Protein backbone atom coordinates (compact mmCIF):
# COMPACT_ATOMS: atom_id res chain seq x y z
CA UNK A 1 57.40 -60.27 -42.53
CA UNK A 2 57.31 -63.66 -43.18
CA UNK A 3 57.70 -65.64 -46.22
CA UNK A 4 54.22 -67.36 -47.49
CA UNK A 5 50.80 -64.70 -47.14
CA UNK A 6 47.63 -65.59 -46.88
CA UNK A 7 46.37 -65.89 -49.78
CA UNK A 8 42.40 -65.38 -50.00
CA UNK A 9 40.22 -64.99 -53.18
CA UNK A 10 36.82 -63.66 -53.18
CA UNK A 11 34.70 -64.61 -56.44
CA UNK A 12 33.25 -61.91 -58.11
CA UNK A 13 32.43 -58.42 -57.99
CA UNK A 14 32.10 -56.44 -54.97
CA UNK A 15 29.84 -53.42 -55.01
CA UNK A 16 31.76 -50.40 -55.75
CA UNK A 17 31.32 -46.88 -53.83
CA UNK A 18 28.98 -45.13 -56.44
CA UNK A 19 26.45 -48.15 -56.20
CA UNK A 20 27.03 -48.38 -52.24
CA UNK A 21 26.11 -44.58 -52.33
CA UNK A 22 22.84 -45.13 -54.74
CA UNK A 23 21.86 -48.18 -52.59
CA UNK A 24 22.39 -45.96 -49.37
CA UNK A 25 20.12 -42.75 -50.83
CA UNK A 26 17.69 -45.21 -52.10
CA UNK A 27 16.85 -46.38 -48.63
CA UNK A 28 18.98 -47.81 -46.10
CA UNK A 29 17.84 -50.96 -45.80
CA UNK A 30 18.79 -51.12 -49.04
CA UNK A 31 22.36 -49.99 -48.50
CA UNK A 32 22.79 -52.23 -45.12
CA UNK A 33 21.63 -55.65 -47.01
CA UNK A 34 24.30 -54.88 -49.95
CA UNK A 35 26.85 -54.30 -47.42
CA UNK A 36 25.62 -57.87 -45.26
CA UNK A 37 26.08 -59.38 -48.96
CA UNK A 38 29.27 -57.97 -49.61
CA UNK A 39 30.71 -59.58 -45.92
CA UNK A 40 29.04 -62.54 -46.96
CA UNK A 41 30.73 -62.73 -50.18
CA UNK A 42 34.23 -61.68 -48.77
CA UNK A 43 33.80 -64.33 -45.86
CA UNK A 44 33.99 -67.50 -48.15
CA UNK A 45 37.08 -66.83 -49.64
CA UNK A 46 38.57 -66.40 -45.94
CA UNK A 47 36.94 -69.66 -44.79
CA UNK A 48 40.65 -71.76 -45.02
CA UNK A 49 41.98 -69.69 -42.62
CA UNK A 50 39.28 -70.24 -40.17
CA UNK A 51 40.96 -70.27 -36.41
CA UNK A 52 44.34 -68.08 -38.12
CA UNK A 53 44.72 -64.82 -36.78
CA UNK A 54 47.83 -62.30 -38.30
CA UNK A 55 48.31 -59.53 -35.13
CA UNK A 56 50.12 -57.34 -38.04
CA UNK A 57 49.43 -56.88 -41.53
CA UNK A 58 50.41 -55.51 -44.84
CA UNK A 59 47.82 -56.29 -47.05
CA UNK A 60 47.97 -56.46 -51.21
CA UNK A 61 44.32 -56.00 -53.22
CA UNK A 62 44.33 -57.91 -56.27
CA UNK A 63 41.30 -56.15 -58.45
CA UNK A 64 40.73 -58.27 -61.38
CA UNK A 65 37.56 -56.55 -63.31
CA UNK A 66 35.19 -57.51 -65.93
CA UNK A 67 35.94 -54.70 -67.70
CA UNK A 68 36.91 -51.49 -66.96
CA UNK A 69 34.06 -49.26 -66.78
CA UNK A 70 34.43 -48.91 -62.72
CA UNK A 71 37.25 -46.23 -61.86
CA UNK A 72 39.88 -47.90 -59.96
CA UNK A 73 39.40 -45.80 -56.79
CA UNK A 74 35.21 -46.91 -56.61
CA UNK A 75 36.40 -50.27 -57.27
CA UNK A 76 39.23 -49.96 -54.33
CA UNK A 77 36.35 -48.74 -52.30
CA UNK A 78 35.36 -52.37 -51.14
CA UNK A 79 38.44 -53.17 -48.93
CA UNK A 80 36.39 -51.56 -46.64
CA UNK A 81 33.93 -54.80 -46.88
CA UNK A 82 37.01 -56.89 -46.86
CA UNK A 83 38.75 -55.56 -43.74
CA UNK A 84 35.52 -55.75 -41.97
CA UNK A 85 35.28 -59.23 -43.02
CA UNK A 86 38.40 -60.46 -41.87
CA UNK A 87 37.43 -59.16 -38.35
CA UNK A 88 34.81 -61.14 -38.52
CA UNK A 89 36.05 -64.28 -38.99
CA UNK A 90 38.80 -63.12 -36.27
CA UNK A 91 41.87 -62.67 -39.00
CA UNK A 92 42.40 -59.46 -37.84
CA UNK A 93 41.61 -58.04 -34.36
CA UNK A 94 40.86 -54.89 -35.55
CA UNK A 95 41.95 -52.83 -38.62
CA UNK A 96 43.23 -49.92 -36.71
CA UNK A 97 46.89 -48.62 -37.05
CA UNK A 98 48.41 -50.82 -35.02
CA UNK A 99 46.86 -54.08 -37.25
CA UNK A 100 47.11 -53.02 -40.36
CA UNK A 101 50.63 -51.41 -41.61
CA UNK A 102 49.42 -50.60 -44.85
CA UNK A 103 47.99 -51.94 -48.19
CA UNK A 104 48.43 -51.91 -51.64
CA UNK A 105 46.00 -51.87 -54.71
CA UNK A 106 46.82 -53.85 -58.05
CA UNK A 107 44.11 -53.49 -60.95
CA UNK A 108 43.40 -56.22 -63.48
CA UNK A 109 41.02 -57.35 -66.50
CA UNK A 110 39.68 -60.95 -66.62
CA UNK A 111 35.63 -60.82 -68.52
CA UNK A 112 35.72 -64.91 -67.79
CA UNK A 113 36.59 -64.45 -63.94
CA UNK A 114 36.38 -61.52 -61.94
CA UNK A 115 37.55 -61.86 -58.39
CA UNK A 116 39.52 -60.54 -55.73
CA UNK A 117 42.95 -61.85 -54.56
CA UNK A 118 43.70 -60.43 -51.14
CA UNK A 119 47.35 -61.26 -49.92
CA UNK A 120 48.08 -60.87 -46.11
CA UNK A 121 51.86 -60.60 -45.12
CA UNK A 122 52.02 -60.88 -41.53
CA UNK A 123 54.54 -58.68 -40.14
CA UNK A 124 56.27 -58.11 -36.72
CA UNK A 125 55.76 -55.33 -34.08
CA UNK A 126 54.45 -51.87 -34.63
CA UNK A 127 58.37 -49.75 -35.48
CA UNK A 128 57.01 -46.78 -35.32
CA UNK A 129 54.93 -46.44 -32.14
CA UNK A 130 56.84 -43.53 -30.66
CA UNK A 131 55.71 -41.58 -33.83
CA UNK A 132 52.78 -39.26 -34.47
């Protein structure tokens, strides 16, 4: 694993699972629009790594919320938007088993500065390719 991770900061709060499901139930176009907006917000934090590609990543998500109203699993659902945006920007080729070694979630509260920090540690090749 390389020493210094890519440190991406996504400003604000991303939609949680409950908000996303509610939007899709109201109207599929509303859910699609929510997804596009979330991807765009994620990409703003990734601009500084334009052209950088990580072949295999271990990712730490630090979810910094305004308060403790949303359940942690609801909040962490937004990693789907982040992983998609990592592919859209070319930082990750894909978000499959070969490219993502694993991820962890950490949570904190900051009323004045909610955001998501994404730390991407590059790892060597796939050490478990023979396992099924």
